[in-house]
N, C-alpha and C. Protein backbone atom coordinates (compact mmCIF):
# COMPACT_ATOMS: atom_id res chain seq x y z
N MET A 1 5.49 -27.03 12.94
CA MET A 1 5.92 -26.00 13.42
C MET A 1 4.99 -24.97 13.85
N THR A 2 5.04 -24.67 15.41
CA THR A 2 3.77 -23.73 15.45
C THR A 2 3.89 -22.30 15.26
N ARG A 3 3.29 -21.44 15.22
CA ARG A 3 4.11 -20.39 14.93
C ARG A 3 3.58 -19.84 16.41
N ALA A 4 4.55 -18.45 16.85
CA ALA A 4 4.84 -17.91 17.58
C ALA A 4 3.79 -17.35 17.74
N ARG A 5 3.24 -16.98 19.28
CA ARG A 5 2.46 -16.12 19.80
C ARG A 5 2.67 -14.45 19.25
N PRO A 6 2.45 -13.53 18.42
CA PRO A 6 2.50 -12.06 18.64
C PRO A 6 2.89 -11.49 20.53
N GLN A 7 3.94 -10.69 20.68
CA GLN A 7 4.11 -10.33 22.21
C GLN A 7 3.30 -9.31 22.45
N PRO A 8 2.30 -9.58 23.23
CA PRO A 8 1.28 -7.79 24.09
C PRO A 8 2.19 -6.26 24.07
N THR A 9 2.15 -6.11 23.25
CA THR A 9 2.45 -4.80 23.38
C THR A 9 1.67 -3.14 23.68
N ASP A 10 2.07 -2.66 24.29
CA ASP A 10 1.27 -1.77 25.26
C ASP A 10 1.00 -0.35 23.95
N ASP A 11 -0.87 0.05 24.68
CA ASP A 11 -1.00 0.65 23.00
C ASP A 11 -0.46 1.98 22.96
N ALA A 12 -0.29 2.71 23.99
CA ALA A 12 0.95 3.61 24.62
C ALA A 12 1.82 3.98 23.29
N THR A 13 2.64 2.30 24.08
CA THR A 13 3.86 2.68 23.07
C THR A 13 4.03 2.44 21.48
N LEU A 14 2.79 2.16 21.42
CA LEU A 14 2.26 1.63 20.17
C LEU A 14 2.23 3.20 19.22
N ALA A 15 1.52 3.97 19.86
CA ALA A 15 0.87 5.36 19.26
C ALA A 15 1.52 5.95 19.26
N GLU A 16 2.76 5.77 20.05
CA GLU A 16 4.17 6.94 20.51
C GLU A 16 4.90 6.31 19.16
N LEU A 17 5.19 5.11 18.88
CA LEU A 17 5.82 4.60 17.90
C LEU A 17 5.29 5.37 16.48
N LEU A 18 4.15 5.52 16.34
CA LEU A 18 3.73 6.02 15.06
C LEU A 18 3.44 7.46 15.02
N ARG A 19 3.38 8.11 16.17
CA ARG A 19 3.44 9.32 16.05
C ARG A 19 4.75 9.70 16.08
N GLN A 20 6.01 9.44 16.83
CA GLN A 20 7.37 9.49 16.30
C GLN A 20 7.79 9.37 14.51
N GLY A 21 7.02 8.24 13.88
CA GLY A 21 7.48 7.51 12.64
C GLY A 21 6.64 9.25 11.84
N LEU A 22 5.71 9.60 11.91
CA LEU A 22 4.80 10.23 10.61
C LEU A 22 6.05 11.61 11.26
N VAL A 23 6.69 12.15 12.12
CA VAL A 23 6.93 13.20 12.48
C VAL A 23 8.29 13.01 11.51
N GLU A 24 9.08 11.62 11.73
CA GLU A 24 10.50 11.70 10.67
C GLU A 24 10.18 11.88 9.46
N LEU A 25 8.66 11.24 8.95
CA LEU A 25 8.14 11.05 7.65
C LEU A 25 7.48 12.49 7.11
N ALA A 26 7.74 13.71 8.18
CA ALA A 26 7.50 14.71 7.92
C ALA A 26 5.99 14.76 7.57
N LEU A 27 5.03 13.88 7.95
CA LEU A 27 3.03 14.04 7.56
C LEU A 27 2.63 14.50 8.52
N ASP A 28 1.76 15.65 8.03
CA ASP A 28 0.89 16.47 9.38
C ASP A 28 -0.13 15.66 9.41
N CYS A 29 -0.39 14.50 10.16
CA CYS A 29 -1.28 13.73 10.30
C CYS A 29 -2.10 14.09 11.84
N PRO A 30 -2.81 14.43 11.62
CA PRO A 30 -4.09 14.96 13.30
C PRO A 30 -4.36 13.72 14.20
N PRO A 31 -4.07 14.05 14.72
CA PRO A 31 -4.58 12.56 16.05
C PRO A 31 -5.65 11.71 15.84
N THR A 32 -6.87 12.61 15.11
CA THR A 32 -7.78 11.36 15.02
C THR A 32 -7.48 10.29 13.77
N GLN A 33 -6.51 10.88 12.55
CA GLN A 33 -5.62 10.54 11.82
C GLN A 33 -5.45 9.09 12.65
N GLN A 34 -4.91 9.24 13.29
CA GLN A 34 -3.75 8.61 13.70
C GLN A 34 -3.98 7.27 14.41
N ALA A 35 -5.36 7.58 15.12
CA ALA A 35 -6.28 6.98 15.76
C ALA A 35 -6.83 5.85 15.47
N SER A 36 -7.52 5.88 13.88
CA SER A 36 -7.73 5.49 12.96
C SER A 36 -7.19 4.65 12.40
N LEU A 37 -5.44 4.90 12.48
CA LEU A 37 -4.41 3.99 11.85
C LEU A 37 -4.59 2.65 12.55
N LEU A 38 -3.90 3.43 13.99
CA LEU A 38 -4.09 2.39 15.16
C LEU A 38 -5.49 0.94 15.70
N ARG A 39 -6.38 2.11 15.03
CA ARG A 39 -7.41 1.01 15.07
C ARG A 39 -7.83 0.14 13.78
N TYR A 40 -7.12 0.47 12.22
CA TYR A 40 -6.82 -0.44 11.50
C TYR A 40 -6.08 -2.02 11.94
N LEU A 41 -4.86 -1.04 12.76
CA LEU A 41 -3.59 -1.61 13.14
C LEU A 41 -4.40 -3.12 13.76
N ASP A 42 -5.76 -2.90 14.78
CA ASP A 42 -5.60 -3.79 15.71
C ASP A 42 -6.26 -4.88 15.28
N LEU A 43 -7.81 -4.07 14.04
CA LEU A 43 -8.10 -4.88 13.08
C LEU A 43 -7.31 -6.21 12.81
N LEU A 44 -6.33 -5.58 11.96
CA LEU A 44 -5.27 -6.32 11.40
C LEU A 44 -4.91 -7.57 12.39
N VAL A 45 -4.35 -7.09 13.72
CA VAL A 45 -3.98 -8.37 14.43
C VAL A 45 -4.86 -9.00 15.16
N ARG A 46 -6.21 -8.85 14.91
CA ARG A 46 -6.86 -9.49 15.19
C ARG A 46 -7.04 -10.57 14.26
N TRP A 47 -8.08 -10.36 13.30
CA TRP A 47 -8.01 -10.69 11.84
C TRP A 47 -6.88 -11.59 10.92
N ASN A 48 -5.93 -11.19 11.61
CA ASN A 48 -4.82 -12.50 11.26
C ASN A 48 -4.51 -13.80 12.25
N LYS A 49 -4.83 -13.71 13.12
CA LYS A 49 -4.73 -14.93 14.02
C LYS A 49 -5.72 -15.91 13.34
N VAL A 50 -6.81 -15.30 12.66
CA VAL A 50 -7.37 -16.54 12.37
C VAL A 50 -7.19 -16.70 10.51
N TYR A 51 -7.21 -15.61 9.77
CA TYR A 51 -6.71 -15.82 8.13
C TYR A 51 -5.49 -15.83 7.80
N ASN A 52 -4.84 -15.57 8.42
CA ASN A 52 -2.86 -15.36 8.22
C ASN A 52 -3.32 -14.61 7.00
N LEU A 53 -3.19 -13.59 7.29
CA LEU A 53 -3.50 -12.59 5.88
C LEU A 53 -1.36 -11.63 6.54
N THR A 54 -0.90 -11.36 7.26
CA THR A 54 0.31 -11.43 7.05
C THR A 54 1.23 -12.62 7.39
N ALA A 55 2.59 -12.27 7.42
CA ALA A 55 3.72 -12.73 7.99
C ALA A 55 4.31 -12.65 9.26
N VAL A 56 3.52 -10.90 9.34
CA VAL A 56 4.19 -9.93 10.06
C VAL A 56 3.21 -10.18 11.22
N ASP A 57 3.01 -10.32 13.05
CA ASP A 57 2.40 -10.58 13.18
C ASP A 57 2.31 -9.74 14.58
N ASN A 58 3.50 -9.12 14.79
CA ASN A 58 3.85 -8.82 15.68
C ASN A 58 3.62 -6.94 15.90
N PRO A 59 2.63 -6.65 16.73
CA PRO A 59 2.21 -5.04 16.32
C PRO A 59 2.94 -3.85 16.14
N ARG A 60 4.18 -4.31 17.26
CA ARG A 60 5.37 -3.22 16.96
C ARG A 60 5.92 -3.24 15.59
N GLU A 61 6.33 -3.85 14.81
CA GLU A 61 6.81 -4.82 13.55
C GLU A 61 5.30 -3.83 12.87
N MET A 62 4.46 -4.42 12.54
CA MET A 62 3.40 -3.89 12.01
C MET A 62 3.44 -2.22 12.07
N VAL A 63 3.54 -1.60 12.75
CA VAL A 63 3.31 -0.37 13.27
C VAL A 63 4.68 0.23 11.79
N ILE A 64 5.86 -0.56 12.15
CA ILE A 64 6.56 0.11 11.24
C ILE A 64 6.90 -0.42 9.70
N LYS A 65 6.47 -1.94 9.41
CA LYS A 65 6.50 -2.81 7.71
C LYS A 65 4.86 -2.21 7.54
N HIS A 66 4.50 -2.05 8.64
CA HIS A 66 2.84 -2.13 7.49
C HIS A 66 2.34 -0.91 7.12
N LEU A 67 2.33 0.17 8.41
CA LEU A 67 1.87 1.50 8.17
C LEU A 67 2.88 2.39 8.23
N LEU A 68 4.27 2.30 8.68
CA LEU A 68 4.84 3.74 8.46
C LEU A 68 5.67 3.40 6.81
N ASP A 69 5.72 1.90 6.42
CA ASP A 69 6.15 1.73 4.98
C ASP A 69 5.47 2.45 4.13
N SER A 70 3.74 2.00 4.05
CA SER A 70 3.23 2.63 3.33
C SER A 70 3.06 4.41 3.44
N LEU A 71 2.96 4.28 4.28
CA LEU A 71 2.56 5.93 4.32
C LEU A 71 4.05 6.60 3.40
N ALA A 72 5.11 5.95 3.66
CA ALA A 72 6.41 7.12 2.97
C ALA A 72 5.73 7.21 1.81
N VAL A 73 5.29 6.76 1.10
CA VAL A 73 5.10 7.10 -0.47
C VAL A 73 4.73 8.01 -0.65
N LEU A 74 3.78 8.90 0.62
CA LEU A 74 2.81 9.87 0.48
C LEU A 74 3.44 10.82 -0.11
N PRO A 75 4.89 11.48 0.02
CA PRO A 75 5.13 12.47 -0.41
C PRO A 75 5.79 12.39 -2.00
N CYS A 76 5.76 11.20 -2.56
CA CYS A 76 6.21 11.09 -4.21
C CYS A 76 4.91 10.64 -4.87
N LEU A 77 4.02 10.53 -4.24
CA LEU A 77 2.35 10.37 -5.91
C LEU A 77 2.12 11.58 -5.83
N THR A 78 1.56 11.33 -7.31
CA THR A 78 0.86 12.09 -7.67
C THR A 78 -0.50 12.34 -7.19
N LYS A 79 -1.12 13.17 -7.76
CA LYS A 79 -2.57 13.49 -7.85
C LYS A 79 -3.07 12.13 -8.07
N GLY A 80 -4.62 11.97 -7.87
CA GLY A 80 -5.70 11.86 -8.59
C GLY A 80 -6.11 10.80 -8.21
N ARG A 81 -6.69 9.65 -8.60
CA ARG A 81 -6.98 8.54 -7.90
C ARG A 81 -6.39 8.20 -8.29
N ILE A 82 -6.59 6.25 -6.80
CA ILE A 82 -5.39 5.64 -7.15
C ILE A 82 -5.86 4.09 -6.85
N LEU A 83 -5.17 3.26 -7.55
CA LEU A 83 -5.44 1.81 -7.75
C LEU A 83 -4.26 0.88 -7.27
N ASP A 84 -4.48 0.22 -5.91
CA ASP A 84 -3.67 -0.51 -5.23
C ASP A 84 -3.76 -1.87 -5.68
N VAL A 85 -3.18 -2.46 -6.65
CA VAL A 85 -2.92 -3.53 -7.02
C VAL A 85 -2.46 -5.37 -6.25
N GLY A 86 -3.15 -5.86 -5.61
CA GLY A 86 -2.59 -7.01 -5.23
C GLY A 86 -2.74 -6.28 -3.58
N SER A 87 -3.58 -5.96 -3.20
CA SER A 87 -3.20 -5.22 -2.14
C SER A 87 -2.94 -5.72 -0.86
N GLY A 88 -3.19 -7.26 -0.72
CA GLY A 88 -3.38 -7.95 0.58
C GLY A 88 -4.13 -7.64 1.61
N ALA A 89 -3.63 -7.31 2.19
CA ALA A 89 -4.37 -6.51 3.53
C ALA A 89 -4.70 -5.38 3.61
N GLY A 90 -4.37 -4.47 2.63
CA GLY A 90 -5.07 -2.98 2.55
C GLY A 90 -3.88 -2.42 2.40
N LEU A 91 -2.67 -2.62 2.18
CA LEU A 91 -1.23 -2.49 2.61
C LEU A 91 -0.65 -1.74 0.67
N PRO A 92 -0.56 -0.41 0.68
CA PRO A 92 -0.76 0.92 1.23
C PRO A 92 -2.00 1.84 1.16
N ALA A 93 -3.11 0.49 0.41
CA ALA A 93 -4.30 1.79 0.07
C ALA A 93 -5.31 1.76 1.20
N VAL A 94 -5.61 0.87 2.45
CA VAL A 94 -6.06 1.78 4.13
C VAL A 94 -5.17 2.91 4.26
N PRO A 95 -3.68 2.54 4.77
CA PRO A 95 -3.12 3.76 5.13
C PRO A 95 -3.25 4.89 4.31
N ILE A 96 -3.23 5.05 2.91
CA ILE A 96 -2.90 6.54 1.83
C ILE A 96 -4.57 6.69 2.29
N ALA A 97 -5.70 6.07 2.33
CA ALA A 97 -7.14 6.56 2.09
C ALA A 97 -7.21 7.30 3.77
N LEU A 98 -6.59 6.75 5.21
CA LEU A 98 -7.37 7.42 6.03
C LEU A 98 -6.51 8.62 6.13
N VAL A 99 -5.27 8.87 5.69
CA VAL A 99 -4.26 10.05 5.57
C VAL A 99 -4.47 10.97 5.00
N GLN A 100 -4.91 11.04 3.58
CA GLN A 100 -5.59 11.72 2.69
C GLN A 100 -7.39 11.29 2.13
N PRO A 101 -7.96 11.64 3.02
CA PRO A 101 -9.63 11.73 2.83
C PRO A 101 -9.97 11.68 1.97
N SER A 102 -9.36 13.00 0.97
CA SER A 102 -10.15 13.81 -0.41
C SER A 102 -9.32 12.76 -1.35
N ARG A 103 -8.37 11.73 -0.97
CA ARG A 103 -8.32 11.09 -2.80
C ARG A 103 -9.43 9.44 -2.34
N LEU A 104 -9.39 9.36 -3.67
CA LEU A 104 -10.58 8.15 -4.16
C LEU A 104 -9.40 7.03 -4.09
N VAL A 105 -9.92 5.91 -3.42
CA VAL A 105 -8.65 4.70 -2.89
C VAL A 105 -9.28 4.29 -3.21
N THR A 106 -8.90 2.59 -4.27
CA THR A 106 -9.53 1.10 -4.58
C THR A 106 -8.25 0.01 -4.10
N ALA A 107 -8.66 -0.62 -3.67
CA ALA A 107 -8.02 -2.04 -3.47
C ALA A 107 -8.72 -2.67 -3.76
N LEU A 108 -7.77 -3.37 -4.87
CA LEU A 108 -7.92 -4.85 -5.35
C LEU A 108 -7.27 -5.99 -5.18
N ASP A 109 -7.68 -6.74 -5.06
CA ASP A 109 -6.94 -8.17 -4.73
C ASP A 109 -7.80 -9.50 -5.39
N SER A 110 -7.08 -10.33 -5.41
CA SER A 110 -7.89 -11.53 -6.34
C SER A 110 -8.56 -12.53 -4.56
N SER A 111 -7.57 -12.25 -3.63
CA SER A 111 -8.27 -13.24 -2.36
C SER A 111 -9.29 -13.01 -1.84
N GLN A 112 -10.37 -13.40 -1.40
CA GLN A 112 -11.45 -12.93 -1.44
C GLN A 112 -11.90 -13.12 0.34
N LYS A 113 -10.92 -13.46 1.36
CA LYS A 113 -10.54 -13.42 2.25
C LYS A 113 -10.15 -12.10 2.63
N LYS A 114 -9.12 -11.93 1.77
CA LYS A 114 -8.50 -10.23 2.50
C LYS A 114 -9.22 -8.99 1.88
N VAL A 115 -9.64 -9.44 0.93
CA VAL A 115 -10.86 -8.24 0.30
C VAL A 115 -12.08 -8.40 1.07
N ARG A 116 -12.47 -9.50 2.01
CA ARG A 116 -13.41 -9.39 2.93
C ARG A 116 -13.11 -8.41 4.04
N PHE A 117 -11.35 -8.69 4.12
CA PHE A 117 -11.26 -7.78 5.29
C PHE A 117 -10.90 -6.69 5.09
N ILE A 118 -10.46 -5.93 3.79
CA ILE A 118 -10.02 -4.86 4.24
C ILE A 118 -11.72 -4.33 3.87
N THR A 119 -12.85 -4.67 3.36
CA THR A 119 -14.19 -4.21 3.70
C THR A 119 -14.58 -3.90 5.25
N GLN A 120 -14.53 -5.03 5.86
CA GLN A 120 -14.81 -4.78 7.04
C GLN A 120 -14.37 -3.62 7.81
N ALA A 121 -12.59 -3.34 7.43
CA ALA A 121 -11.99 -2.22 7.75
C ALA A 121 -12.75 -0.74 7.38
N ILE A 122 -13.22 -1.05 6.08
CA ILE A 122 -14.06 0.02 5.46
C ILE A 122 -14.98 0.48 6.13
N LEU A 123 -15.94 -0.64 6.88
CA LEU A 123 -16.84 -0.37 7.69
C LEU A 123 -17.05 0.43 8.97
N GLU A 124 -15.96 -0.27 9.67
CA GLU A 124 -15.76 -0.45 11.31
C GLU A 124 -15.21 1.13 11.19
N LEU A 125 -14.38 1.58 10.62
CA LEU A 125 -13.55 3.18 10.48
C LEU A 125 -14.09 4.35 9.57
N GLY A 126 -15.36 3.55 8.29
CA GLY A 126 -16.18 4.66 8.39
C GLY A 126 -15.16 5.44 7.12
N ILE A 127 -14.46 4.36 5.99
CA ILE A 127 -13.32 4.94 5.19
C ILE A 127 -14.19 5.50 3.87
N SER A 128 -14.76 6.85 4.08
CA SER A 128 -15.85 7.07 2.57
C SER A 128 -15.37 6.91 1.13
N ASN A 129 -13.87 7.53 1.09
CA ASN A 129 -12.96 7.13 0.06
C ASN A 129 -12.42 6.18 -0.21
N LEU A 130 -12.40 4.60 0.71
CA LEU A 130 -11.43 3.71 -0.11
C LEU A 130 -12.87 2.79 -0.45
N SER A 131 -12.74 1.83 -1.90
CA SER A 131 -13.79 0.58 -2.20
C SER A 131 -12.45 -0.41 -2.33
N ALA A 132 -13.25 -1.63 -1.78
CA ALA A 132 -12.54 -3.12 -1.79
C ALA A 132 -12.89 -3.69 -2.93
N ILE A 133 -12.32 -4.61 -4.06
CA ILE A 133 -12.63 -4.80 -5.43
C ILE A 133 -12.05 -6.90 -5.07
N HIS A 134 -12.99 -7.81 -5.19
CA HIS A 134 -12.07 -8.95 -5.33
C HIS A 134 -12.25 -9.44 -7.07
N HIS A 135 -11.23 -9.03 -7.26
CA HIS A 135 -10.98 -9.44 -8.52
C HIS A 135 -9.45 -9.79 -9.35
N ARG A 136 -9.35 -10.80 -10.28
CA ARG A 136 -7.84 -10.77 -10.98
C ARG A 136 -7.55 -9.23 -11.68
N VAL A 137 -6.76 -8.83 -11.55
CA VAL A 137 -6.19 -7.59 -12.06
C VAL A 137 -6.22 -7.40 -13.57
N GLU A 138 -5.98 -8.98 -14.12
CA GLU A 138 -5.75 -9.40 -15.96
C GLU A 138 -7.48 -8.94 -15.80
N ASP A 139 -8.17 -9.18 -15.15
CA ASP A 139 -9.85 -9.28 -15.61
C ASP A 139 -10.32 -8.01 -15.58
N TYR A 140 -10.04 -7.17 -14.35
CA TYR A 140 -10.81 -5.99 -13.81
C TYR A 140 -10.78 -5.22 -15.39
N GLN A 141 -12.02 -4.47 -15.69
CA GLN A 141 -12.24 -3.40 -16.18
C GLN A 141 -13.00 -2.48 -16.11
N PRO A 142 -12.50 -1.55 -15.14
CA PRO A 142 -13.03 -0.41 -14.41
C PRO A 142 -13.97 0.37 -15.42
N MET A 143 -15.32 1.27 -15.61
CA MET A 143 -15.35 2.40 -16.41
C MET A 143 -14.67 3.55 -16.36
N VAL A 144 -13.54 3.74 -15.60
CA VAL A 144 -12.81 4.84 -15.52
C VAL A 144 -11.54 4.41 -15.20
N ARG A 145 -10.70 4.86 -15.76
CA ARG A 145 -8.98 4.13 -15.71
C ARG A 145 -8.45 4.94 -14.14
N TYR A 146 -7.50 4.76 -13.74
CA TYR A 146 -7.12 5.65 -12.58
C TYR A 146 -5.95 6.23 -12.96
N ASP A 147 -5.79 7.36 -12.48
CA ASP A 147 -4.42 8.56 -12.46
C ASP A 147 -3.20 7.53 -12.21
N VAL A 148 -3.09 6.60 -10.88
CA VAL A 148 -2.20 6.62 -9.87
C VAL A 148 -2.54 4.63 -9.87
N VAL A 149 -1.40 4.20 -9.87
CA VAL A 149 -1.59 2.45 -9.95
C VAL A 149 -0.41 2.41 -9.15
N ILE A 150 -0.56 1.97 -8.11
CA ILE A 150 0.56 1.36 -6.97
C ILE A 150 0.20 -0.30 -6.63
N ALA A 151 1.88 -0.96 -6.53
CA ALA A 151 2.47 -2.60 -5.80
C ALA A 151 3.21 -2.14 -5.22
N ARG A 152 2.26 -3.04 -3.84
CA ARG A 152 3.83 -3.04 -3.09
C ARG A 152 4.25 -4.36 -2.95
N ALA A 153 5.60 -4.68 -3.13
CA ALA A 153 6.17 -5.83 -3.25
C ALA A 153 5.77 -6.78 -4.68
N TYR A 154 4.58 -6.52 -5.66
CA TYR A 154 4.64 -7.48 -6.94
C TYR A 154 5.64 -8.29 -7.25
N ALA A 155 5.08 -9.11 -7.61
CA ALA A 155 6.31 -10.12 -8.10
C ALA A 155 7.23 -9.73 -9.43
N SER A 156 7.26 -8.75 -10.57
CA SER A 156 8.06 -7.88 -10.99
C SER A 156 7.51 -6.62 -11.22
N ILE A 157 8.76 -5.75 -11.57
CA ILE A 157 7.90 -4.70 -12.45
C ILE A 157 7.06 -4.56 -14.05
N ALA A 158 8.15 -5.75 -14.71
CA ALA A 158 7.40 -5.72 -15.92
C ALA A 158 6.19 -6.71 -15.71
N ASP A 159 6.07 -7.58 -15.05
CA ASP A 159 4.65 -8.02 -14.84
C ASP A 159 3.71 -7.22 -14.14
N PHE A 160 3.96 -6.27 -13.69
CA PHE A 160 3.05 -4.98 -13.09
C PHE A 160 2.79 -4.33 -13.88
N ILE A 161 3.90 -3.91 -15.07
CA ILE A 161 3.51 -2.62 -15.96
C ILE A 161 2.55 -3.92 -16.81
N THR A 162 2.66 -4.30 -17.17
CA THR A 162 1.74 -5.43 -18.15
C THR A 162 0.66 -6.00 -17.68
N ALA A 163 0.40 -6.19 -16.31
CA ALA A 163 -0.85 -6.41 -15.98
C ALA A 163 -1.70 -5.87 -16.00
N THR A 164 -1.35 -4.13 -15.74
CA THR A 164 -2.59 -3.01 -15.32
C THR A 164 -2.49 -1.81 -16.20
N ALA A 165 -1.41 -2.35 -17.51
CA ALA A 165 -1.71 -1.24 -18.47
C ALA A 165 -3.14 -0.62 -19.31
N HIS A 166 -3.73 -1.64 -18.51
CA HIS A 166 -5.17 -1.22 -19.29
C HIS A 166 -5.73 -0.39 -18.10
N LEU A 167 -5.15 -0.47 -16.56
CA LEU A 167 -6.33 0.13 -15.99
C LEU A 167 -5.42 1.62 -15.59
N LEU A 168 -4.47 2.24 -16.15
CA LEU A 168 -3.86 3.46 -16.06
C LEU A 168 -4.33 4.38 -17.32
N ILE A 169 -4.43 5.74 -16.85
CA ILE A 169 -5.01 6.32 -17.78
C ILE A 169 -3.53 6.34 -18.68
N PRO A 170 -3.13 6.78 -19.90
CA PRO A 170 -2.33 7.37 -20.69
C PRO A 170 -1.77 8.58 -20.01
N GLY A 171 -0.09 8.78 -19.36
CA GLY A 171 0.23 9.84 -18.97
C GLY A 171 0.27 9.51 -17.49
N GLY A 172 -0.31 8.79 -17.43
CA GLY A 172 -0.61 8.52 -15.63
C GLY A 172 0.46 7.95 -15.02
N ARG A 173 0.76 7.58 -13.47
CA ARG A 173 1.98 7.30 -13.58
C ARG A 173 1.75 5.65 -12.59
N TRP A 174 3.04 4.76 -12.91
CA TRP A 174 2.77 3.34 -11.71
C TRP A 174 3.92 3.90 -10.76
N PHE A 175 3.34 3.27 -9.67
CA PHE A 175 4.38 3.48 -8.77
C PHE A 175 4.47 2.00 -7.24
N ALA A 176 6.09 1.26 -7.87
CA ALA A 176 6.39 0.51 -7.92
C ALA A 176 7.33 0.07 -6.42
N MET A 177 6.44 -0.27 -5.17
CA MET A 177 6.89 -0.47 -4.10
C MET A 177 8.26 -1.77 -3.78
N LYS A 178 9.87 -0.93 -3.84
CA LYS A 178 10.71 -2.30 -3.79
C LYS A 178 11.78 -2.40 -2.55
N GLY A 179 12.02 -3.21 -2.66
CA GLY A 179 13.29 -3.03 -1.15
C GLY A 179 14.22 -2.82 -1.96
N VAL A 180 15.62 -3.71 -2.16
CA VAL A 180 16.54 -2.76 -2.30
C VAL A 180 16.70 -2.70 -3.94
N TYR A 181 17.58 -1.82 -4.83
CA TYR A 181 17.26 -1.03 -6.14
C TYR A 181 16.97 -2.43 -7.03
N PRO A 182 15.76 -2.41 -7.76
CA PRO A 182 15.90 -3.23 -9.05
C PRO A 182 16.78 -3.17 -10.08
N THR A 183 18.16 -3.33 -10.15
CA THR A 183 18.62 -3.03 -11.28
C THR A 183 18.26 -4.13 -12.29
N ALA A 184 18.03 -5.15 -12.06
CA ALA A 184 17.84 -5.83 -12.91
C ALA A 184 16.74 -6.01 -13.75
N GLU A 185 15.17 -5.83 -12.71
CA GLU A 185 13.84 -5.55 -13.24
C GLU A 185 13.49 -3.90 -14.21
N LEU A 186 14.66 -2.84 -13.93
CA LEU A 186 14.78 -1.91 -14.60
C LEU A 186 15.61 -1.89 -16.23
N ASP A 187 16.31 -3.36 -15.90
CA ASP A 187 16.40 -3.74 -17.63
C ASP A 187 15.58 -4.20 -18.46
N ALA A 188 14.29 -4.29 -18.25
CA ALA A 188 13.35 -4.87 -18.63
C ALA A 188 11.74 -4.48 -18.74
N LEU A 189 12.50 -3.20 -18.43
CA LEU A 189 11.07 -2.49 -18.72
C LEU A 189 9.72 -3.07 -19.91
N PRO A 190 8.25 -3.06 -19.87
CA PRO A 190 7.86 -2.86 -21.04
C PRO A 190 7.62 -1.58 -21.95
N ASP A 191 7.41 -1.80 -23.37
CA ASP A 191 7.21 -0.90 -24.03
C ASP A 191 5.99 0.64 -23.49
N VAL A 192 5.51 -0.05 -22.85
CA VAL A 192 4.15 0.66 -22.63
C VAL A 192 5.21 1.77 -21.52
N CYS A 193 5.86 1.64 -21.19
CA CYS A 193 6.30 2.64 -20.11
C CYS A 193 7.48 3.40 -20.19
N THR A 194 7.91 4.17 -19.43
CA THR A 194 8.76 4.91 -19.37
C THR A 194 9.56 5.16 -17.95
N LEU A 195 10.79 5.10 -17.80
CA LEU A 195 11.32 4.88 -16.25
C LEU A 195 11.71 6.82 -16.01
N VAL A 196 10.34 7.15 -15.37
CA VAL A 196 10.59 8.53 -14.57
C VAL A 196 12.18 8.19 -13.67
N GLU A 197 11.92 8.56 -12.24
CA GLU A 197 13.10 8.29 -11.52
C GLU A 197 12.73 6.74 -10.63
N VAL A 198 13.82 6.53 -9.39
CA VAL A 198 13.76 5.65 -8.67
C VAL A 198 14.44 6.73 -7.70
N ILE A 199 13.36 6.39 -6.79
CA ILE A 199 13.33 6.90 -5.20
C ILE A 199 14.07 6.39 -3.86
N PRO A 200 14.52 6.89 -3.55
CA PRO A 200 14.87 5.93 -2.50
C PRO A 200 14.22 6.32 -0.85
N LEU A 201 13.98 5.34 -0.39
CA LEU A 201 12.35 5.87 0.80
C LEU A 201 13.27 5.65 2.16
N HIS A 202 13.39 6.59 3.05
CA HIS A 202 13.53 6.48 4.59
C HIS A 202 12.25 5.75 5.40
N VAL A 203 12.43 5.04 5.67
CA VAL A 203 10.97 4.13 6.85
C VAL A 203 11.64 3.99 8.23
N PRO A 204 11.05 5.09 9.26
CA PRO A 204 11.53 5.32 10.15
C PRO A 204 11.80 3.93 11.20
N ARG A 205 12.32 3.81 11.88
CA ARG A 205 12.77 2.24 12.37
C ARG A 205 13.15 1.26 11.55
N LEU A 206 13.26 1.18 10.56
CA LEU A 206 13.69 0.37 9.60
C LEU A 206 14.99 0.13 8.37
N SER A 207 15.73 -0.50 9.15
CA SER A 207 16.87 -0.96 8.70
C SER A 207 17.15 -1.43 6.91
N ALA A 208 15.79 -2.16 6.67
CA ALA A 208 16.18 -2.71 5.48
C ALA A 208 15.77 -1.49 4.19
N GLU A 209 16.45 -1.80 2.92
CA GLU A 209 16.31 -0.84 1.95
C GLU A 209 15.07 -0.84 1.74
N ARG A 210 14.60 0.47 0.83
CA ARG A 210 13.09 0.54 0.26
C ARG A 210 13.36 2.07 -0.70
N HIS A 211 12.75 1.16 -1.96
CA HIS A 211 12.88 2.38 -3.10
C HIS A 211 11.45 2.31 -3.74
N LEU A 212 11.27 3.53 -4.41
CA LEU A 212 9.92 3.58 -4.91
C LEU A 212 9.83 3.60 -6.73
N VAL A 213 9.77 2.93 -7.64
CA VAL A 213 10.00 2.78 -8.46
C VAL A 213 8.40 3.81 -9.59
N VAL A 214 8.97 4.25 -9.85
CA VAL A 214 8.32 5.91 -10.71
C VAL A 214 8.14 5.73 -11.78
N LEU A 215 7.53 5.13 -13.12
CA LEU A 215 7.29 4.98 -14.18
C LEU A 215 6.02 5.49 -14.81
N HIS A 216 6.08 5.77 -16.45
CA HIS A 216 5.15 6.97 -17.48
C HIS A 216 4.51 6.20 -18.00
N HIS A 217 3.38 6.11 -17.94
CA HIS A 217 2.72 5.61 -18.99
C HIS A 217 2.69 6.15 -20.74
N LYS A 218 3.32 5.82 -21.43
CA LYS A 218 3.20 6.14 -22.79
C LYS A 218 1.77 6.48 -23.30
N GLY A 219 0.72 5.59 -23.55
CA GLY A 219 -0.43 5.64 -23.94
C GLY A 219 -0.12 4.78 -25.09
N LEU A 220 0.29 3.90 -25.55
CA LEU A 220 0.39 2.64 -26.66
C LEU A 220 -0.43 1.77 -26.49
N SER A 221 -0.99 1.10 -27.16
CA SER A 221 -2.16 0.32 -27.45
C SER A 221 -1.51 -1.12 -26.88
C-alpha cells in the first residue's frame, strides 16, 4: 500500500497552532524558542520522508502529537539532568531541551538513523544542552547517573524501570508517559521503585487520554 503524502500546511497556521497550544499549557515560551520548535518540526518532516522516523507525517498532527504532547510534561518534571530513553526522533528530548535551555538533556536510542537525525537537529538548531547517544539502554553506562529518566510510550512501566534502574540516581524520579490510565502496569511495579503519583495530562487539540506516571528510585541494588 502506498503511503499517503502529508498535506501541505501553511507555516503561519502551524505557528499559531503551536502558540495557542503553549498558552493552553501555560508555558512561557518566547518567540525565539517557538521558532526553534518549528524548525525542528520542519527538519523532522523532511527526514521522515526518507527515513520513516515517525508514523505521524502530517505537520499539523506533529505539532499536537509530538511538540505539545512532549511539552505537556514540563510543569511536572523535577530538576536536574534528564535522560530520554528510547528517544526515537528526539521526543520528548528535543522539545524539552529547546524550551529549557538551562537543563542538560540526553537522548538515548538504539536506532542509528534516529540518533543521526537527533544529532543533525542539534547541529542545525544549535542545541548546546542536548546530546544524542546511540546505545542499547541495558548496556549504557554513563559516568554520572541522571536525576530524571523519562520515556514516551515505552513497552511497559516494569520493563522501563528494570532497564534503566542503573541510570537513575537513588532518590531520582522516573517519568513514564502513557495514554490511558495504566492500571495493569501499576500492579506489576518492580521493588526498586515506589509510585509517587499518576498525573492526567491535557494536551491541547488532542482528544486521546494522556497520563504521566511518576516513580521514585528507592536505591536498592
